[in-house]
Amino acid sequence: MGKTTTTYESLAKDFIFELLEYNFQQAKECDPDIKKLEKRIVELSCKVHKIISNLEKEDKKLITKYLDEKQVLAMEGYYISYIHGFGDCIRLLKKVKIV
């Protein structure tokens, strides 16, 4: 039974991450500020990777691991916020007696 739950949770998480990506792409098409920010992040990322490439092996591994894990944590935060948003929406709809 534990495997089934994990599979459903994994599928739900994958689906939510796809929704988040889709919604971000839609927002990016409508909001020039998001496009500018994304472009700036790409520019900064290139500069950071250039600096990292010049570091010693252990420092490079540490910084890369930090950046990767920070990204994973951010994605988990987005997922949690999305899940809580579902609950908030249901509570709101019940409060205004739509559901």
C-alpha atoms as a PDB file:
ATOM      1  CA  MET A   1       0.000   0.000   0.000  1.00  0.00           C
ATOM      2  CA  GLY A   2       2.876   2.368   0.731  1.00  0.00           C
ATOM      3  CA  LYS A   3       4.170   2.060  -2.831  1.00  0.00           C
ATOM      4  CA  THR A   4       0.781   2.940  -4.318  1.00  0.00           C
ATOM      5  CA  THR A   5       0.518   6.051  -2.142  1.00  0.00           C
ATOM      6  CA  THR A   6       4.040   7.055  -3.107  1.00  0.00           C
ATOM      7  CA  THR A   7       3.192   6.526  -6.773  1.00  0.00           C
ATOM      8  CA  TYR A   8       0.059   8.672  -6.504  1.00  0.00           C
ATOM      9  CA  GLU A   9       1.962  11.337  -4.587  1.00  0.00           C
ATOM     10  CA  SER A  10       4.711  11.261  -7.178  1.00  0.00           C
ATOM     11  CA  LEU A  11       2.235  11.553 -10.042  1.00  0.00           C
ATOM     12  CA  ALA A  12       0.400  14.399  -8.292  1.00  0.00           C
ATOM     13  CA  LYS A  13       3.666  16.215  -7.651  1.00  0.00           C
ATOM     14  CA  ASP A  14       4.761  15.781 -11.271  1.00  0.00           C
ATOM     15  CA  PHE A  15       1.387  17.046 -12.481  1.00  0.00           C
ATOM     16  CA  ILE A  16       1.539  20.098 -10.209  1.00  0.00           C
ATOM     17  CA  PHE A  17       5.073  20.912 -11.323  1.00  0.00           C
ATOM     18  CA  GLU A  18       3.878  20.722 -14.942  1.00  0.00           C
ATOM     19  CA  LEU A  19       1.010  23.085 -14.103  1.00  0.00           C
ATOM     20  CA  LEU A  20       3.424  25.486 -12.424  1.00  0.00           C
ATOM     21  CA  GLU A  21       5.705  25.438 -15.463  1.00  0.00           C
ATOM     22  CA  TYR A  22       2.770  25.948 -17.828  1.00  0.00           C
ATOM     23  CA  ASN A  23       1.415  28.846 -15.759  1.00  0.00           C
ATOM     24  CA  PHE A  24       4.857  30.432 -15.590  1.00  0.00           C
ATOM     25  CA  GLN A  25       5.183  30.210 -19.370  1.00  0.00           C
ATOM     26  CA  GLN A  26       1.757  31.826 -19.780  1.00  0.00           C
ATOM     27  CA  ALA A  27       2.642  34.616 -17.354  1.00  0.00           C
ATOM     28  CA  LYS A  28       5.943  35.178 -19.126  1.00  0.00           C
ATOM     29  CA  GLU A  29       4.140  35.707 -22.425  1.00  0.00           C
ATOM     30  CA  CYS A  30       1.909  38.374 -20.854  1.00  0.00           C
ATOM     31  CA  ASP A  31       4.340  40.126 -18.521  1.00  0.00           C
ATOM     32  CA  PRO A  32       7.410  41.846 -19.970  1.00  0.00           C
ATOM     33  CA  ASP A  33       8.879  42.229 -16.475  1.00  0.00           C
ATOM     34  CA  ILE A  34       9.069  38.461 -16.099  1.00  0.00           C
ATOM     35  CA  LYS A  35      10.826  38.195 -19.461  1.00  0.00           C
ATOM     36  CA  LYS A  36      13.338  40.859 -18.389  1.00  0.00           C
ATOM     37  CA  LEU A  37      13.937  39.146 -15.069  1.00  0.00           C
ATOM     38  CA  GLU A  38      14.424  35.784 -16.726  1.00  0.00           C
ATOM     39  CA  LYS A  39      16.906  37.300 -19.191  1.00  0.00           C
ATOM     40  CA  ARG A  40      18.783  38.926 -16.303  1.00  0.00           C
ATOM     41  CA  ILE A  41      18.900  35.614 -14.428  1.00  0.00           C
ATOM     42  CA  VAL A  42      20.378  33.904 -17.494  1.00  0.00           C
ATOM     43  CA  GLU A  43      23.038  36.634 -17.770  1.00  0.00           C
ATOM     44  CA  LEU A  44      23.892  36.348 -14.082  1.00  0.00           C
ATOM     45  CA  SER A  45      23.927  32.565 -14.298  1.00  0.00           C
ATOM     46  CA  CYS A  46      26.503  32.703 -17.087  1.00  0.00           C
ATOM     47  CA  LYS A  47      28.694  34.985 -14.975  1.00  0.00           C
ATOM     48  CA  VAL A  48      28.336  32.776 -11.898  1.00  0.00           C
ATOM     49  CA  HIS A  49      29.192  29.630 -13.880  1.00  0.00           C
ATOM     50  CA  LYS A  50      32.264  31.364 -15.310  1.00  0.00           C
ATOM     51  CA  ILE A  51      33.410  32.249 -11.788  1.00  0.00           C
ATOM     52  CA  ILE A  52      32.657  28.729 -10.538  1.00  0.00           C
ATOM     53  CA  SER A  53      34.645  27.173 -13.371  1.00  0.00           C
ATOM     54  CA  ASN A  54      37.742  29.005 -12.120  1.00  0.00           C
ATOM     55  CA  LEU A  55      37.434  27.711  -8.558  1.00  0.00           C
ATOM     56  CA  GLU A  56      39.216  24.773  -7.054  1.00  0.00           C
ATOM     57  CA  LYS A  57      37.447  21.436  -7.402  1.00  0.00           C
ATOM     58  CA  GLU A  58      36.132  21.235  -3.805  1.00  0.00           C
ATOM     59  CA  ASP A  59      34.902  24.850  -3.798  1.00  0.00           C
ATOM     60  CA  LYS A  60      33.225  24.282  -7.159  1.00  0.00           C
ATOM     61  CA  LYS A  61      31.455  21.160  -5.836  1.00  0.00           C
ATOM     62  CA  LEU A  62      30.297  22.965  -2.701  1.00  0.00           C
ATOM     63  CA  ILE A  63      28.851  25.967  -4.539  1.00  0.00           C
ATOM     64  CA  THR A  64      27.243  23.809  -7.218  1.00  0.00           C
ATOM     65  CA  LYS A  65      25.663  21.591  -4.561  1.00  0.00           C
ATOM     66  CA  TYR A  66      24.407  24.672  -2.694  1.00  0.00           C
ATOM     67  CA  LEU A  67      22.837  26.183  -5.822  1.00  0.00           C
ATOM     68  CA  ASP A  68      21.256  22.867  -6.839  1.00  0.00           C
ATOM     69  CA  GLU A  69      19.789  22.205  -3.401  1.00  0.00           C
ATOM     70  CA  LYS A  70      18.535  25.773  -3.128  1.00  0.00           C
ATOM     71  CA  GLN A  71      16.686  25.251  -6.418  1.00  0.00           C
ATOM     72  CA  VAL A  72      15.173  21.985  -5.157  1.00  0.00           C
ATOM     73  CA  LEU A  73      14.014  23.749  -1.986  1.00  0.00           C
ATOM     74  CA  ALA A  74      12.442  26.551  -4.025  1.00  0.00           C
ATOM     75  CA  MET A  75      10.541  24.009  -6.137  1.00  0.00           C
ATOM     76  CA  GLU A  76       9.302  22.260  -3.000  1.00  0.00           C
ATOM     77  CA  GLY A  77       8.114  25.641  -1.711  1.00  0.00           C
ATOM     78  CA  TYR A  78       6.212  26.251  -4.948  1.00  0.00           C
ATOM     79  CA  TYR A  79       4.633  22.810  -4.675  1.00  0.00           C
ATOM     80  CA  ILE A  80       3.572  23.357  -1.058  1.00  0.00           C
ATOM     81  CA  SER A  81       2.139  26.776  -1.908  1.00  0.00           C
ATOM     82  CA  TYR A  82       0.186  25.290  -4.805  1.00  0.00           C
ATOM     83  CA  ILE A  83      -1.266  22.535  -2.602  1.00  0.00           C
ATOM     84  CA  HIS A  84      -2.226  25.064   0.081  1.00  0.00           C
ATOM     85  CA  GLY A  85      -3.794  27.219  -2.618  1.00  0.00           C
ATOM     86  CA  PHE A  86      -6.176  24.373  -3.450  1.00  0.00           C
ATOM     87  CA  GLY A  87      -7.300  24.202   0.161  1.00  0.00           C
ATOM     88  CA  ASP A  88      -7.620  27.981   0.409  1.00  0.00           C
ATOM     89  CA  CYS A  89      -9.731  28.055  -2.740  1.00  0.00           C
ATOM     90  CA  ILE A  90     -12.061  25.351  -1.450  1.00  0.00           C
ATOM     91  CA  ARG A  91     -12.458  27.154   1.895  1.00  0.00           C
ATOM     92  CA  LEU A  92     -13.204  30.419   0.088  1.00  0.00           C
ATOM     93  CA  LEU A  93     -15.777  28.793  -2.182  1.00  0.00           C
ATOM     94  CA  LYS A  94     -17.470  27.194   0.836  1.00  0.00           C
ATOM     95  CA  LYS A  95     -17.460  30.496   2.718  1.00  0.00           C
ATOM     96  CA  VAL A  96     -19.207  32.322  -0.125  1.00  0.00           C
ATOM     97  CA  LYS A  97     -21.504  29.283  -0.488  1.00  0.00           C
ATOM     98  CA  ILE A  98     -20.520  28.435  -4.041  1.00  0.00           C
ATOM     99  CA  VAL A  99     -19.596  24.864  -3.081  1.00  0.00           C
END
